Amino acid sequence: MLEQIDHRGKRFTIVDGSTRDEAGVRRCQRAAALERQAQRELRELEHAKAVAGPAGANPDVEVFNR
């Protein structure tokens, strides 16, 4: 086992392949799922912006002025 400190200062342990950290596996799976969701939402946002077309500096004002 090897103890490390991540970029936030939180301690974590790296274990060899013979020991499985089930909670760590679930966290990794959850993180991967959240990353896929974030990427999907970014693609949807980019698509919505492309469909909506260019807007001025303040699109809300334009909507109210119409």
C-alpha atoms as a PDB file:
ATOM      1  CA  MET A   1       0.000   0.000   0.000  1.00  0.00           C
ATOM      2  CA  LEU A   2       1.101   3.508  -0.802  1.00  0.00           C
ATOM      3  CA  GLU A   3      -0.405   6.541   0.885  1.00  0.00           C
ATOM      4  CA  GLN A   4      -0.768   9.695  -1.210  1.00  0.00           C
ATOM      5  CA  ILE A   5      -2.246  13.183  -0.871  1.00  0.00           C
ATOM      6  CA  ASP A   6      -4.366  14.518  -3.736  1.00  0.00           C
ATOM      7  CA  HIS A   7      -4.492  18.111  -5.021  1.00  0.00           C
ATOM      8  CA  ARG A   8      -7.119  19.014  -2.399  1.00  0.00           C
ATOM      9  CA  GLY A   9      -4.965  17.769   0.464  1.00  0.00           C
ATOM     10  CA  LYS A  10      -7.109  14.677   1.027  1.00  0.00           C
ATOM     11  CA  ARG A  11      -5.254  11.481   1.855  1.00  0.00           C
ATOM     12  CA  PHE A  12      -5.853   8.304  -0.107  1.00  0.00           C
ATOM     13  CA  THR A  13      -4.208   4.911  -0.325  1.00  0.00           C
ATOM     14  CA  ILE A  14      -3.075   3.073  -3.416  1.00  0.00           C
ATOM     15  CA  VAL A  15      -3.293  -0.676  -2.921  1.00  0.00           C
ATOM     16  CA  ASP A  16      -1.824  -3.453  -5.000  1.00  0.00           C
ATOM     17  CA  GLY A  17      -3.909  -5.430  -7.490  1.00  0.00           C
ATOM     18  CA  SER A  18      -4.663  -8.223  -5.040  1.00  0.00           C
ATOM     19  CA  THR A  19      -6.771  -5.975  -2.802  1.00  0.00           C
ATOM     20  CA  ARG A  20      -9.867  -4.357  -4.275  1.00  0.00           C
ATOM     21  CA  ASP A  21     -11.366  -1.226  -2.862  1.00  0.00           C
ATOM     22  CA  GLU A  22     -15.045  -1.641  -3.724  1.00  0.00           C
ATOM     23  CA  ALA A  23     -15.915   1.878  -2.592  1.00  0.00           C
ATOM     24  CA  GLY A  24     -13.112   3.234  -4.758  1.00  0.00           C
ATOM     25  CA  VAL A  25     -14.348   1.259  -7.747  1.00  0.00           C
ATOM     26  CA  ARG A  26     -17.858   2.672  -7.249  1.00  0.00           C
ATOM     27  CA  ARG A  27     -16.465   6.219  -6.955  1.00  0.00           C
ATOM     28  CA  CYS A  28     -14.528   5.778 -10.195  1.00  0.00           C
ATOM     29  CA  GLN A  29     -17.600   4.415 -11.961  1.00  0.00           C
ATOM     30  CA  ARG A  30     -19.701   7.311 -10.651  1.00  0.00           C
ATOM     31  CA  ALA A  31     -17.069   9.831 -11.729  1.00  0.00           C
ATOM     32  CA  ALA A  32     -16.954   8.308 -15.203  1.00  0.00           C
ATOM     33  CA  ALA A  33     -20.757   8.413 -15.454  1.00  0.00           C
ATOM     34  CA  LEU A  34     -20.815  12.061 -14.342  1.00  0.00           C
ATOM     35  CA  GLU A  35     -18.121  12.925 -16.886  1.00  0.00           C
ATOM     36  CA  ARG A  36     -20.155  11.301 -19.678  1.00  0.00           C
ATOM     37  CA  GLN A  37     -23.249  13.209 -18.513  1.00  0.00           C
ATOM     38  CA  ALA A  38     -21.339  16.505 -18.472  1.00  0.00           C
ATOM     39  CA  GLN A  39     -20.020  15.886 -21.985  1.00  0.00           C
ATOM     40  CA  ARG A  40     -23.533  15.010 -23.217  1.00  0.00           C
ATOM     41  CA  GLU A  41     -24.953  18.193 -21.662  1.00  0.00           C
ATOM     42  CA  LEU A  42     -22.209  20.301 -23.257  1.00  0.00           C
ATOM     43  CA  ARG A  43     -23.001  18.794 -26.668  1.00  0.00           C
ATOM     44  CA  GLU A  44     -26.721  19.516 -26.123  1.00  0.00           C
ATOM     45  CA  LEU A  45     -25.931  23.105 -25.125  1.00  0.00           C
ATOM     46  CA  GLU A  46     -23.722  23.621 -28.184  1.00  0.00           C
ATOM     47  CA  HIS A  47     -26.464  22.165 -30.381  1.00  0.00           C
ATOM     48  CA  ALA A  48     -29.082  24.448 -28.804  1.00  0.00           C
ATOM     49  CA  LYS A  49     -26.847  27.472 -29.370  1.00  0.00           C
ATOM     50  CA  ALA A  50     -26.328  26.478 -32.998  1.00  0.00           C
ATOM     51  CA  VAL A  51     -30.071  26.040 -33.532  1.00  0.00           C
ATOM     52  CA  ALA A  52     -30.925  29.324 -31.809  1.00  0.00           C
ATOM     53  CA  GLY A  53     -28.494  31.253 -33.969  1.00  0.00           C
ATOM     54  CA  PRO A  54     -26.397  34.242 -33.037  1.00  0.00           C
ATOM     55  CA  ALA A  55     -27.699  36.539 -30.327  1.00  0.00           C
ATOM     56  CA  GLY A  56     -26.642  40.046 -29.436  1.00  0.00           C
ATOM     57  CA  ALA A  57     -24.759  41.062 -26.344  1.00  0.00           C
ATOM     58  CA  ASN A  58     -27.954  40.934 -24.285  1.00  0.00           C
ATOM     59  CA  PRO A  59     -30.461  38.487 -25.805  1.00  0.00           C
ATOM     60  CA  ASP A  60     -33.003  38.891 -22.979  1.00  0.00           C
ATOM     61  CA  VAL A  61     -33.476  42.560 -23.830  1.00  0.00           C
ATOM     62  CA  GLU A  62     -34.062  41.682 -27.468  1.00  0.00           C
ATOM     63  CA  VAL A  63     -36.816  39.236 -26.511  1.00  0.00           C
ATOM     64  CA  PHE A  64     -38.593  41.848 -24.389  1.00  0.00           C
ATOM     65  CA  ASN A  65     -38.307  44.515 -27.081  1.00  0.00           C
ATOM     66  CA  ARG A  66     -40.082  42.352 -29.649  1.00  0.00           C
END
